[in-house]
Amino acid sequence: MENFVASVRQAEIALRDLFEPTPLQRNDHLSAKYGAEIWLKREDLTPVRSYKLRGAFNAMRKAMQTSPDLAHFVCASAGNHAQGMAYACRHFGTRGTIFMPVTTPQQKIDKTRAFGGDAVEIRLTGDYFDQTLASAKDYCAKAGAHFLSPFDDPDIIEGQATVAAEMLDQLGRAPDLIVLPVGGGGLSAGVSRYARTEAPDAGFVFAEPAGGASLMGALSAGEPVTLERVDSFVDGAAVARIGDLPFAQLSGFAPGDVIAAPENRICVTMLDLLNTEGIVLEPAGALAIDVLRDIPDLAGKTVICVCSGGNFDFERLPEVKERAQRFAGRKRYFILQMPQRPGALRDFLELLGPDDDISRFEYLKKSARNFGSVLIGIETTDPANLRHLTDALDRNGLRYRDITDDPILAEFLI
């Protein structure tokens, strides 16, 4: 363990060639909300707006120390790992080949290319990440290059642990609690391993998206398991299977140390930070802050939340707002059976309250039927208003179906 701490310190010193320590900031808004000292470790403020640069840089640095002639790295990633490796390739003057799914948004491709410049080549292959990963590893073996894993690599884990070294130095004491987001597990494994030595009294909480709780599943089973389905919304942490090496470090924790955050609730947290603090976080970057509401007895404690990334495409903002409104109960979607007679729509509109707004309306009139189907979205200021609306529909004998939380109908109709 002492060797690990010393190696992390060496990695931290080397990182200073790229950027200064990211800020550890006390957040007054969150501290007042929870009656605690809430500190944010702002990994969204690295040169690539995520902590992934740390691990990529460290793994490349150590690989070239071991093999001085090594000059070609390969990875498969559609996000922050790709950008971190691209930046490190340009820094070291090495060649990088980055495989991305064909479905990768152009914004992420452009950012990766901007960070890597002429040092990297981007190859788009596969509709799904598993296909992309297989292509990358096959190419890597044929090219004799070094494959850079996003999290299942000891040097990657060591690099991510520099987050812990910085924040403990910056705080100047051990916190009561460290809250870490979990995807593949590299960050949480590195930070917890370092902090358990240098701040042994600190507790840990791990935050995962509810649709990708791979650490919770692994801890419950006693070994890494592959989730059957993953919700990809929290793309920086939606991993079907935690890495073997990270799990070896995290296996001593209990399932109760992990909190699964609902994807729609994470959107509420993202908007709150954006509107209140002007902090732009991607969904995975907001995980640690989101689960604060689930942690008992925070009052009076010193808590560090690691904000893992801020690579948020503002074209996703309407979806984030939509999800946040649904979670808060201020927006619902209904399929309504409306009588096909003059004045039926006017009668329905009179059931709406003064703060109810129609955000979606599609009506299909069928001449051979007495009723037509209406897809309607209602947005309001208070969830109670929507309860009043459904009560009114019931009193007036109008048949309807709430499809807000129906995954299949919502996907096709909303």
Protein backbone atom coordinates (compact mmCIF):
# COMPACT_ATOMS: atom_id res chain seq x y z
CA MET A 1 0.00 0.00 0.00
CA GLU A 2 2.89 2.38 0.77
CA ASN A 3 4.28 1.70 -2.69
CA PHE A 4 0.91 2.59 -4.16
CA VAL A 5 0.82 5.91 -2.29
CA ALA A 6 4.37 6.72 -3.40
CA SER A 7 3.55 5.84 -7.00
CA VAL A 8 0.46 8.04 -6.92
CA ARG A 9 2.58 10.90 -5.63
CA GLN A 10 5.00 10.42 -8.50
CA ALA A 11 2.11 10.39 -10.95
CA GLU A 12 0.77 13.59 -9.42
CA ILE A 13 4.13 15.33 -9.85
CA ALA A 14 4.29 14.23 -13.48
CA LEU A 15 0.75 15.51 -14.10
CA ARG A 16 1.88 19.05 -13.33
CA ASP A 17 3.36 19.13 -16.83
CA LEU A 18 -0.21 19.12 -18.10
CA PHE A 19 -2.31 21.07 -15.59
CA GLU A 20 -2.45 22.41 -12.06
CA PRO A 21 -4.54 20.61 -9.42
CA THR A 22 -8.25 20.96 -10.10
CA PRO A 23 -10.04 23.13 -7.51
CA LEU A 24 -11.57 21.81 -4.31
CA GLN A 25 -14.38 24.27 -3.67
CA ARG A 26 -16.70 24.65 -0.70
CA ASN A 27 -20.22 25.00 -2.08
CA ASP A 28 -22.32 27.37 0.00
CA HIS A 29 -25.60 26.38 -1.67
CA LEU A 30 -25.22 22.67 -0.97
CA SER A 31 -23.69 23.24 2.46
CA ALA A 32 -26.72 25.28 3.53
CA LYS A 33 -29.11 22.76 2.00
CA TYR A 34 -27.67 19.81 3.93
CA GLY A 35 -26.35 21.57 7.03
CA ALA A 36 -22.88 20.24 6.28
CA GLU A 37 -19.56 21.29 4.80
CA ILE A 38 -19.96 20.18 1.19
CA TRP A 39 -16.83 20.42 -0.95
CA LEU A 40 -16.71 19.77 -4.69
CA LYS A 41 -13.61 18.33 -6.35
CA ARG A 42 -13.99 19.90 -9.79
CA GLU A 43 -12.69 17.31 -12.24
CA ASP A 44 -14.87 19.01 -14.84
CA LEU A 45 -12.15 21.69 -14.94
CA THR A 46 -9.26 19.58 -16.30
CA PRO A 47 -8.10 20.48 -19.83
CA VAL A 48 -10.44 17.79 -21.24
CA ARG A 49 -13.22 18.49 -18.69
CA SER A 50 -12.96 15.10 -16.99
CA TYR A 51 -10.63 13.08 -14.74
CA LYS A 52 -9.96 10.56 -17.52
CA LEU A 53 -6.87 12.50 -18.63
CA ARG A 54 -5.15 11.49 -15.39
CA GLY A 55 -5.33 7.75 -15.97
CA ALA A 56 -4.56 7.93 -19.68
CA PHE A 57 -1.52 10.14 -19.07
CA ASN A 58 -0.17 7.95 -16.28
CA ALA A 59 -0.65 4.67 -18.14
CA MET A 60 1.03 6.06 -21.26
CA ARG A 61 3.87 7.56 -19.23
CA LYS A 62 4.63 4.27 -17.49
CA ALA A 63 4.24 2.18 -20.64
CA MET A 64 6.85 4.34 -22.42
CA GLN A 65 9.18 4.10 -19.42
CA THR A 66 8.98 0.31 -19.66
CA SER A 67 9.22 0.23 -23.47
CA PRO A 68 11.05 3.37 -24.69
CA ASP A 69 10.37 2.50 -28.34
CA LEU A 70 6.61 2.35 -27.80
CA ALA A 71 4.97 5.03 -29.91
CA HIS A 72 1.47 3.79 -30.74
CA PHE A 73 -1.57 3.58 -28.44
CA VAL A 74 -5.07 2.32 -29.17
CA CYS A 75 -8.33 2.72 -27.30
CA ALA A 76 -12.05 2.21 -27.81
CA SER A 77 -14.22 4.96 -26.42
CA ALA A 78 -17.04 7.29 -27.38
CA GLY A 79 -16.41 9.78 -24.63
CA ASN A 80 -14.05 11.09 -21.99
CA HIS A 81 -11.45 8.31 -22.19
CA ALA A 82 -10.98 9.00 -25.89
CA GLN A 83 -10.47 12.69 -25.22
CA GLY A 84 -8.03 12.02 -22.40
CA MET A 85 -5.93 9.68 -24.52
CA ALA A 86 -6.00 12.10 -27.46
CA TYR A 87 -4.71 14.92 -25.27
CA ALA A 88 -1.97 12.71 -23.79
CA CYS A 89 -0.90 11.50 -27.25
CA ARG A 90 -0.39 15.07 -28.38
CA HIS A 91 1.56 15.84 -25.19
CA PHE A 92 3.90 12.86 -25.58
CA GLY A 93 4.16 13.15 -29.34
CA THR A 94 2.97 9.57 -29.79
CA ARG A 95 0.56 8.11 -32.29
CA GLY A 96 -2.96 7.26 -31.16
CA THR A 97 -5.71 5.33 -32.90
CA ILE A 98 -9.12 5.82 -31.34
CA PHE A 99 -12.03 3.57 -32.23
CA MET A 100 -15.52 5.01 -31.80
CA PRO A 101 -18.96 3.60 -32.62
CA VAL A 102 -20.48 4.84 -35.87
CA THR A 103 -23.32 6.27 -33.75
CA THR A 104 -21.00 8.60 -31.77
CA PRO A 105 -22.32 12.20 -31.83
CA GLN A 106 -20.27 14.47 -34.08
CA GLN A 107 -19.58 16.83 -31.19
CA LYS A 108 -17.62 14.11 -29.35
CA ILE A 109 -15.70 13.18 -32.49
CA ASP A 110 -14.77 16.81 -33.11
CA LYS A 111 -13.62 17.35 -29.52
CA THR A 112 -11.45 14.24 -29.56
CA ARG A 113 -9.88 15.33 -32.83
CA ALA A 114 -9.29 18.84 -31.44
CA PHE A 115 -7.51 17.51 -28.35
CA GLY A 116 -5.34 15.08 -30.29
CA GLY A 117 -4.65 17.08 -33.43
CA ASP A 118 -2.37 15.32 -35.88
CA ALA A 119 -1.31 12.81 -33.22
CA VAL A 120 -4.52 10.78 -33.42
CA GLU A 121 -6.56 8.92 -36.00
CA ILE A 122 -10.25 8.32 -35.34
CA ARG A 123 -11.88 5.21 -36.76
CA LEU A 124 -15.66 4.85 -36.68
CA THR A 125 -16.75 1.23 -36.60
CA GLY A 126 -19.62 -0.77 -35.13
CA ASP A 127 -23.13 0.27 -34.18
CA TYR A 128 -22.60 -0.88 -30.58
CA PHE A 129 -19.64 -0.42 -28.27
CA ASP A 130 -18.92 -4.16 -27.97
CA GLN A 131 -18.34 -4.25 -31.73
CA THR A 132 -16.12 -1.18 -31.52
CA LEU A 133 -14.08 -2.69 -28.69
CA ALA A 134 -13.56 -5.94 -30.56
CA SER A 135 -12.35 -4.05 -33.64
CA ALA A 136 -9.96 -1.94 -31.56
CA LYS A 137 -8.38 -4.95 -29.85
CA ASP A 138 -8.05 -6.84 -33.13
CA TYR A 139 -6.36 -3.85 -34.76
CA CYS A 140 -4.13 -3.31 -31.72
CA ALA A 141 -2.83 -6.88 -31.84
CA LYS A 142 -2.07 -6.66 -35.56
CA ALA A 143 -0.41 -3.24 -35.28
CA GLY A 144 1.70 -4.17 -32.25
CA ALA A 145 0.35 -1.18 -30.37
CA HIS A 146 -0.46 -0.73 -26.66
CA PHE A 147 -4.13 -0.99 -25.75
CA LEU A 148 -5.25 1.63 -23.25
CA SER A 149 -8.12 0.31 -21.14
CA PRO A 150 -10.52 2.93 -19.76
CA PHE A 151 -10.50 1.49 -16.22
CA ASP A 152 -9.28 -2.13 -15.96
CA ASP A 153 -5.58 -1.32 -15.74
CA PRO A 154 -3.42 -0.76 -12.61
CA ASP A 155 -1.71 2.29 -14.09
CA ILE A 156 -5.06 3.83 -15.04
CA ILE A 157 -6.28 3.28 -11.47
CA GLU A 158 -3.06 4.77 -10.12
CA GLY A 159 -3.52 7.85 -12.30
CA GLN A 160 -7.11 8.36 -11.18
CA ALA A 161 -5.94 8.13 -7.56
CA THR A 162 -4.17 11.48 -8.01
CA VAL A 163 -7.62 13.00 -7.46
CA ALA A 164 -7.41 11.79 -3.85
CA ALA A 165 -3.85 13.04 -3.37
CA GLU A 166 -4.83 16.52 -4.51
CA MET A 167 -8.04 16.86 -2.57
CA LEU A 168 -6.60 15.66 0.74
CA ASP A 169 -3.74 18.15 0.39
CA GLN A 170 -6.20 20.90 -0.50
CA LEU A 171 -8.56 20.18 2.40
CA GLY A 172 -5.68 19.84 4.83
CA ARG A 173 -7.45 17.20 6.90
CA ALA A 174 -9.43 14.02 6.51
CA PRO A 175 -13.06 14.50 5.46
CA ASP A 176 -15.82 12.59 7.18
CA LEU A 177 -17.13 11.28 3.89
CA ILE A 178 -16.01 10.97 0.26
CA VAL A 179 -18.73 10.50 -2.36
CA LEU A 180 -17.56 8.94 -5.61
CA PRO A 181 -19.31 8.26 -8.92
CA VAL A 182 -18.85 4.76 -10.31
CA GLY A 183 -18.79 3.57 -13.90
CA GLY A 184 -16.12 1.02 -14.72
CA GLY A 185 -14.62 1.60 -11.27
CA GLY A 186 -11.17 3.06 -12.01
CA LEU A 187 -11.76 6.36 -10.22
CA SER A 188 -13.51 4.87 -7.19
CA ALA A 189 -10.89 2.12 -6.83
CA GLY A 190 -7.97 4.53 -7.02
CA VAL A 191 -9.40 7.22 -4.76
CA SER A 192 -10.65 4.79 -2.10
CA ARG A 193 -7.37 2.86 -2.03
CA TYR A 194 -5.31 6.01 -1.57
CA ALA A 195 -7.66 7.62 0.94
CA ARG A 196 -7.95 4.52 3.12
CA THR A 197 -4.23 4.83 3.77
CA GLU A 198 -3.86 8.59 3.99
CA ALA A 199 -7.26 9.35 5.57
CA PRO A 200 -8.27 6.08 7.27
CA ASP A 201 -11.15 7.65 9.22
CA ALA A 202 -12.96 8.83 6.08
CA GLY A 203 -16.10 7.01 5.04
CA PHE A 204 -17.18 6.31 1.46
CA VAL A 205 -20.38 6.39 -0.51
CA PHE A 206 -20.46 5.22 -4.13
CA ALA A 207 -22.99 6.64 -6.57
CA GLU A 208 -24.20 4.74 -9.63
CA PRO A 209 -26.96 5.38 -12.15
CA ALA A 210 -29.98 3.20 -11.40
CA GLY A 211 -29.87 1.89 -14.96
CA GLY A 212 -26.24 0.81 -14.68
CA ALA A 213 -25.61 -0.26 -11.08
CA SER A 214 -22.75 -2.64 -11.89
CA LEU A 215 -20.88 -2.18 -8.57
CA MET A 216 -24.00 -2.82 -6.52
CA GLY A 217 -24.67 -5.95 -8.55
CA ALA A 218 -21.09 -7.15 -8.14
CA LEU A 219 -21.03 -6.56 -4.38
CA SER A 220 -24.34 -8.40 -3.99
CA ALA A 221 -23.07 -11.37 -6.01
CA GLY A 222 -19.55 -11.35 -4.57
CA GLU A 223 -18.04 -11.04 -8.05
CA PRO A 224 -18.40 -8.88 -11.15
CA VAL A 225 -21.62 -9.56 -13.01
CA THR A 226 -22.81 -8.39 -16.41
CA LEU A 227 -26.07 -6.46 -16.27
CA GLU A 228 -28.68 -7.65 -18.73
CA ARG A 229 -29.82 -4.14 -19.59
CA VAL A 230 -28.20 -0.74 -19.20
CA ASP A 231 -29.80 2.69 -19.48
CA SER A 232 -27.27 4.67 -21.50
CA PHE A 233 -28.47 8.15 -20.46
CA VAL A 234 -25.65 8.58 -17.89
CA ASP A 235 -23.18 7.74 -20.63
CA GLY A 236 -20.07 8.43 -18.55
CA ALA A 237 -21.04 5.82 -15.95
CA ALA A 238 -23.48 3.45 -17.66
CA VAL A 239 -21.29 0.34 -17.62
CA ALA A 240 -22.72 -3.17 -17.81
CA ARG A 241 -19.85 -4.78 -15.90
CA ILE A 242 -17.42 -3.22 -13.45
CA GLY A 243 -13.75 -3.88 -14.17
CA ASP A 244 -12.10 -6.88 -12.53
CA LEU A 245 -9.19 -4.88 -11.11
CA PRO A 246 -11.39 -2.10 -9.71
CA PHE A 247 -13.68 -4.68 -8.14
CA ALA A 248 -10.75 -6.37 -6.45
CA GLN A 249 -10.14 -3.08 -4.65
CA LEU A 250 -13.81 -2.33 -3.96
CA SER A 251 -14.91 -5.83 -2.96
CA GLY A 252 -14.48 -5.05 0.75
CA PHE A 253 -17.35 -2.57 0.66
CA ALA A 254 -20.99 -3.55 1.20
CA PRO A 255 -23.95 -3.12 -1.15
CA GLY A 256 -25.28 -0.60 1.38
CA ASP A 257 -22.32 1.67 0.60
CA VAL A 258 -23.67 2.10 -2.94
CA ILE A 259 -26.56 4.37 -3.87
CA ALA A 260 -28.35 4.02 -7.21
CA ALA A 261 -29.50 7.40 -8.52
CA PRO A 262 -32.58 7.54 -10.80
CA GLU A 263 -31.64 8.98 -14.19
CA ASN A 264 -34.48 11.52 -14.18
CA ARG A 265 -33.53 12.73 -10.71
CA ILE A 266 -29.95 13.31 -11.86
CA CYS A 267 -31.43 15.75 -14.38
CA VAL A 268 -32.99 17.73 -11.53
CA THR A 269 -29.54 17.99 -9.93
CA MET A 270 -27.90 19.04 -13.20
CA LEU A 271 -30.42 21.85 -13.72
CA ASP A 272 -30.14 22.97 -10.10
CA LEU A 273 -26.36 23.29 -10.38
CA LEU A 274 -26.62 25.05 -13.74
CA ASN A 275 -29.28 27.54 -12.67
CA THR A 276 -28.08 28.14 -9.11
CA GLU A 277 -24.32 27.82 -9.37
CA GLY A 278 -23.55 28.15 -13.08
CA ILE A 279 -21.81 24.74 -12.94
CA VAL A 280 -22.13 22.66 -16.11
CA LEU A 281 -21.89 18.93 -15.39
CA GLU A 282 -22.57 15.91 -17.54
CA PRO A 283 -24.94 13.32 -16.02
CA ALA A 284 -22.08 11.21 -14.61
CA GLY A 285 -20.46 14.36 -13.23
CA ALA A 286 -23.57 15.14 -11.17
CA LEU A 287 -23.92 11.65 -9.65
CA ALA A 288 -22.03 12.29 -6.42
CA ILE A 289 -24.00 15.45 -5.70
CA ASP A 290 -27.33 13.86 -6.58
CA VAL A 291 -27.06 11.09 -3.96
CA LEU A 292 -26.41 13.51 -1.09
CA ARG A 293 -30.17 13.55 -0.51
CA ASP A 294 -30.06 9.78 0.15
CA ILE A 295 -27.29 9.88 2.76
CA PRO A 296 -28.54 10.02 6.37
CA ASP A 297 -26.99 12.13 9.10
CA LEU A 298 -25.02 14.55 6.93
CA ALA A 299 -25.49 17.46 9.32
CA GLY A 300 -22.20 18.87 10.58
CA LYS A 301 -20.02 16.57 8.50
CA THR A 302 -17.29 17.44 6.03
CA VAL A 303 -18.12 15.82 2.71
CA ILE A 304 -16.19 15.78 -0.57
CA CYS A 305 -18.13 15.04 -3.75
CA VAL A 306 -16.08 14.27 -6.86
CA CYS A 307 -17.58 15.97 -9.93
CA SER A 308 -16.13 13.63 -12.51
CA GLY A 309 -16.85 15.50 -15.74
CA GLY A 310 -18.48 18.41 -17.53
CA ASN A 311 -18.60 17.27 -21.14
CA PHE A 312 -22.23 18.16 -21.64
CA ASP A 313 -23.65 18.77 -25.10
CA PHE A 314 -26.23 21.55 -24.74
CA GLU A 315 -28.27 19.96 -27.51
CA ARG A 316 -29.25 17.51 -24.75
CA LEU A 317 -30.62 20.29 -22.53
CA PRO A 318 -34.26 19.90 -23.69
CA GLU A 319 -34.10 16.20 -22.80
CA VAL A 320 -32.58 16.98 -19.40
CA LYS A 321 -35.32 19.52 -18.69
CA GLU A 322 -37.98 17.06 -19.84
CA ARG A 323 -36.65 14.30 -17.58
CA ALA A 324 -36.35 16.67 -14.63
CA GLN A 325 -39.96 17.82 -15.00
CA ARG A 326 -41.17 14.25 -15.17
CA PHE A 327 -39.26 13.31 -12.01
CA ALA A 328 -40.61 16.36 -10.18
CA GLY A 329 -44.15 15.36 -11.19
CA ARG A 330 -44.75 18.58 -13.11
CA LYS A 331 -45.16 16.99 -16.53
CA ARG A 332 -47.27 14.04 -17.60
CA TYR A 333 -48.34 12.51 -20.90
CA PHE A 334 -51.76 10.96 -21.49
CA ILE A 335 -53.60 9.15 -24.25
CA LEU A 336 -57.12 10.49 -23.93
CA GLN A 337 -60.28 9.11 -25.54
CA MET A 338 -62.14 12.21 -26.69
CA PRO A 339 -65.73 12.12 -28.02
CA GLN A 340 -65.93 12.98 -31.69
CA ARG A 341 -68.50 15.73 -31.38
CA PRO A 342 -68.43 19.50 -31.68
CA GLY A 343 -67.34 21.20 -28.46
CA ALA A 344 -65.61 18.17 -26.96
CA LEU A 345 -62.21 19.84 -27.03
CA ARG A 346 -63.62 23.00 -25.44
CA ASP A 347 -65.13 20.91 -22.65
CA PHE A 348 -61.76 19.29 -22.00
CA LEU A 349 -59.93 22.61 -21.92
CA GLU A 350 -62.29 23.84 -19.21
CA LEU A 351 -61.00 21.04 -16.97
CA LEU A 352 -57.47 22.47 -17.01
CA GLY A 353 -56.32 24.64 -14.14
CA PRO A 354 -54.88 28.15 -14.49
CA ASP A 355 -51.29 26.86 -14.25
CA ASP A 356 -51.72 23.89 -16.58
CA ASP A 357 -50.07 24.26 -19.97
CA ILE A 358 -50.53 21.97 -22.98
CA SER A 359 -47.04 21.14 -24.22
CA ARG A 360 -48.03 18.42 -26.71
CA PHE A 361 -51.28 17.78 -28.55
CA GLU A 362 -51.93 15.27 -31.34
CA TYR A 363 -55.47 14.30 -32.33
CA LEU A 364 -56.40 11.52 -34.73
CA LYS A 365 -60.02 11.81 -35.88
CA LYS A 366 -61.55 8.60 -37.22
CA SER A 367 -64.85 8.97 -39.07
CA ALA A 368 -66.09 5.47 -38.24
CA ARG A 369 -65.71 5.81 -34.47
CA ASN A 370 -67.44 7.73 -31.73
CA PHE A 371 -64.14 8.55 -29.97
CA GLY A 372 -60.77 9.74 -31.21
CA SER A 373 -57.40 9.26 -29.54
CA VAL A 374 -55.50 12.28 -28.29
CA LEU A 375 -51.84 12.29 -27.25
CA ILE A 376 -51.54 15.17 -24.83
CA GLY A 377 -48.69 16.48 -22.67
CA ILE A 378 -49.49 18.68 -19.69
CA GLU A 379 -46.87 20.83 -17.96
CA THR A 380 -47.68 22.60 -14.72
CA THR A 381 -46.12 24.35 -11.73
CA ASP A 382 -47.21 21.95 -8.99
CA PRO A 383 -47.63 18.14 -9.08
CA ALA A 384 -50.91 18.56 -7.20
CA ASN A 385 -52.36 20.27 -10.27
CA LEU A 386 -52.01 17.08 -12.29
CA ARG A 387 -53.79 15.10 -9.57
CA HIS A 388 -56.64 17.63 -9.74
CA LEU A 389 -56.74 17.16 -13.52
CA THR A 390 -57.00 13.36 -13.38
CA ASP A 391 -59.71 13.69 -10.71
CA ALA A 392 -61.62 15.96 -13.05
CA LEU A 393 -61.22 13.53 -15.94
CA ASP A 394 -62.58 10.74 -13.75
CA ARG A 395 -65.56 12.83 -12.62
CA ASN A 396 -66.43 13.62 -16.21
CA GLY A 397 -66.16 10.02 -17.35
CA LEU A 398 -63.28 10.62 -19.74
CA ARG A 399 -61.13 7.57 -20.38
CA TYR A 400 -57.38 8.11 -20.38
CA ARG A 401 -54.07 6.34 -19.92
CA ASP A 402 -50.98 7.88 -18.31
CA ILE A 403 -48.03 6.84 -20.49
CA THR A 404 -45.36 9.03 -18.88
CA ASP A 405 -43.48 6.12 -17.36
CA ASP A 406 -44.30 3.52 -20.00
CA PRO A 407 -40.86 2.93 -21.58
CA ILE A 408 -42.15 1.54 -24.89
CA LEU A 409 -44.96 4.01 -25.57
CA ALA A 410 -42.92 6.93 -24.31
CA GLU A 411 -40.06 6.04 -26.64
CA PHE A 412 -42.29 5.92 -29.71
CA LEU A 413 -44.78 8.67 -28.92
CA ILE A 414 -42.84 11.15 -26.78
